[in-house]
Protein backbone atom coordinates (compact mmCIF):
# COMPACT_ATOMS: atom_id res chain seq x y z
CA UNK A 1 0.00 0.00 0.00
CA UNK A 2 1.27 3.44 -0.88
CA UNK A 3 0.52 6.56 1.09
CA UNK A 4 1.62 10.00 -0.06
CA UNK A 5 4.63 11.75 1.38
CA UNK A 6 2.30 14.49 2.64
CA UNK A 7 -0.50 13.01 4.73
CA UNK A 8 -2.71 13.68 7.74
CA UNK A 9 -2.39 12.39 11.29
CA UNK A 10 -5.77 11.65 12.82
CA UNK A 11 -5.94 11.35 16.61
CA UNK A 12 -9.07 10.21 18.40
CA UNK A 13 -9.05 10.63 22.19
CA UNK A 14 -11.47 8.33 24.02
CA UNK A 15 -12.09 6.61 27.30
CA UNK A 16 -11.37 2.90 27.54
CA UNK A 17 -15.00 2.30 28.58
CA UNK A 18 -16.53 4.12 25.56
CA UNK A 19 -18.57 1.60 23.60
CA UNK A 20 -20.56 1.17 20.40
CA UNK A 21 -22.79 -1.79 19.58
CA UNK A 22 -21.54 -3.63 22.66
CA UNK A 23 -17.82 -3.46 21.83
CA UNK A 24 -15.09 -1.00 22.84
CA UNK A 25 -15.24 2.08 20.64
CA UNK A 26 -11.48 2.05 19.99
CA UNK A 27 -11.82 -1.52 18.67
CA UNK A 28 -14.72 -0.58 16.38
CA UNK A 29 -12.69 2.37 15.04
CA UNK A 30 -9.65 0.20 14.26
CA UNK A 31 -11.79 -2.47 12.60
CA UNK A 32 -13.51 0.20 10.47
CA UNK A 33 -10.08 1.56 9.45
CA UNK A 34 -9.04 -1.95 8.42
CA UNK A 35 -12.31 -2.50 6.55
CA UNK A 36 -11.71 0.76 4.64
CA UNK A 37 -8.13 -0.36 3.81
CA UNK A 38 -6.41 2.52 5.55
CA UNK A 39 -2.63 2.34 5.90
CA UNK A 40 -2.76 1.38 9.59
CA UNK A 41 -4.08 2.29 13.02
CA UNK A 42 -2.55 2.23 16.50
CA UNK A 43 -4.30 2.30 19.87
CA UNK A 44 -2.37 3.84 22.75
CA UNK A 45 -3.54 3.38 26.34
CA UNK A 46 -2.62 6.15 28.74
CA UNK A 47 -1.85 5.70 32.43
CA UNK A 48 -3.48 9.03 33.33
CA UNK A 49 -5.62 11.77 31.86
CA UNK A 50 -8.73 13.90 32.05
CA UNK A 51 -11.14 15.35 29.54
CA UNK A 52 -14.06 17.76 29.25
CA UNK A 53 -15.51 16.87 32.68
CA UNK A 54 -12.10 17.26 34.40
CA UNK A 55 -12.62 13.84 36.05
CA UNK A 56 -9.18 12.31 36.59
CA UNK A 57 -8.64 8.81 35.16
CA UNK A 58 -5.54 7.07 36.47
CA UNK A 59 -3.96 3.64 36.71
CA UNK A 60 -2.46 4.34 40.15
CA UNK A 61 -3.16 1.52 42.57
CA UNK A 62 -4.80 3.71 45.21
CA UNK A 63 -7.04 5.35 42.61
CA UNK A 64 -7.82 2.49 40.28
CA UNK A 65 -9.79 3.57 37.23
CA UNK A 66 -11.39 1.27 34.71
CA UNK A 67 -11.85 4.07 32.19
CA UNK A 68 -8.27 4.93 31.25
CA UNK A 69 -7.51 7.32 28.38
CA UNK A 70 -7.14 5.76 24.93
CA UNK A 71 -5.82 7.41 21.76
CA UNK A 72 -6.31 5.98 18.28
CA UNK A 73 -3.79 7.27 15.73
CA UNK A 74 -4.07 6.88 11.97
CA UNK A 75 -1.83 8.38 9.27
CA UNK A 76 -3.29 8.45 5.77
CA UNK A 77 -3.98 10.70 2.77
CA UNK A 78 -6.27 13.61 3.62
CA UNK A 79 -9.16 12.54 1.38
CA UNK A 80 -9.15 9.04 2.88
CA UNK A 81 -9.11 10.48 6.41
CA UNK A 82 -12.11 12.67 5.56
CA UNK A 83 -14.03 9.66 4.21
CA UNK A 84 -13.11 7.69 7.33
CA UNK A 85 -14.33 10.48 9.62
CA UNK A 86 -17.70 10.42 7.83
CA UNK A 87 -17.87 6.65 8.30
CA UNK A 88 -17.19 6.71 12.05
CA UNK A 89 -19.34 9.75 12.86
CA UNK A 90 -22.38 7.60 13.82
CA UNK A 91 -20.21 5.75 16.40
CA UNK A 92 -18.91 8.89 18.09
CA UNK A 93 -20.87 10.04 21.13
CA UNK A 94 -18.02 11.96 22.74
CA UNK A 95 -14.28 12.15 22.68
CA UNK A 96 -11.93 14.54 20.94
CA UNK A 97 -10.75 14.28 17.33
CA UNK A 98 -7.76 16.19 16.01
CA UNK A 99 -6.04 16.42 12.63
CA UNK A 100 -2.58 17.64 11.74
CA UNK A 101 -0.33 17.54 8.73
CA UNK A 102 2.20 14.72 8.70
CA UNK A 103 5.20 14.11 6.48
CA UNK A 104 5.80 10.42 5.77
CA UNK A 105 9.49 9.60 6.10
CA UNK A 106 9.19 5.82 5.98
CA UNK A 107 6.33 3.34 5.67
CA UNK A 108 6.88 -0.39 5.89
CA UNK A 109 9.85 -2.59 5.07
CA UNK A 110 12.36 -1.96 2.31
CA UNK A 111 11.13 -3.07 -1.09
CA UNK A 112 14.54 -4.28 -2.29
CA UNK A 113 15.15 -8.00 -2.63
CA UNK A 114 18.54 -9.70 -2.80
């Protein structure tokens, strides 16, 4: 799969407990990205964070939280990101979505063969 040198970085900030159709929202987002043949998606789980409500979510033992912060990151061509955002809009009931320009330096293994 080829992605352009100039692309977009999509970040979706969620809570680990956010759900859609009975499954974790981050999982549904990654599966939709795969279904739409995007270049890739990564889910990052954070040990601490807070959002719009200012409620602190932490993995500290004394303040155990089951709703830790989760970030889904996807790098892809801008038009494909826009189509993806339209596709996941019905799933999104909250969270934060950001976009920024990204320059692709390397994607995947070398194509040379010996």
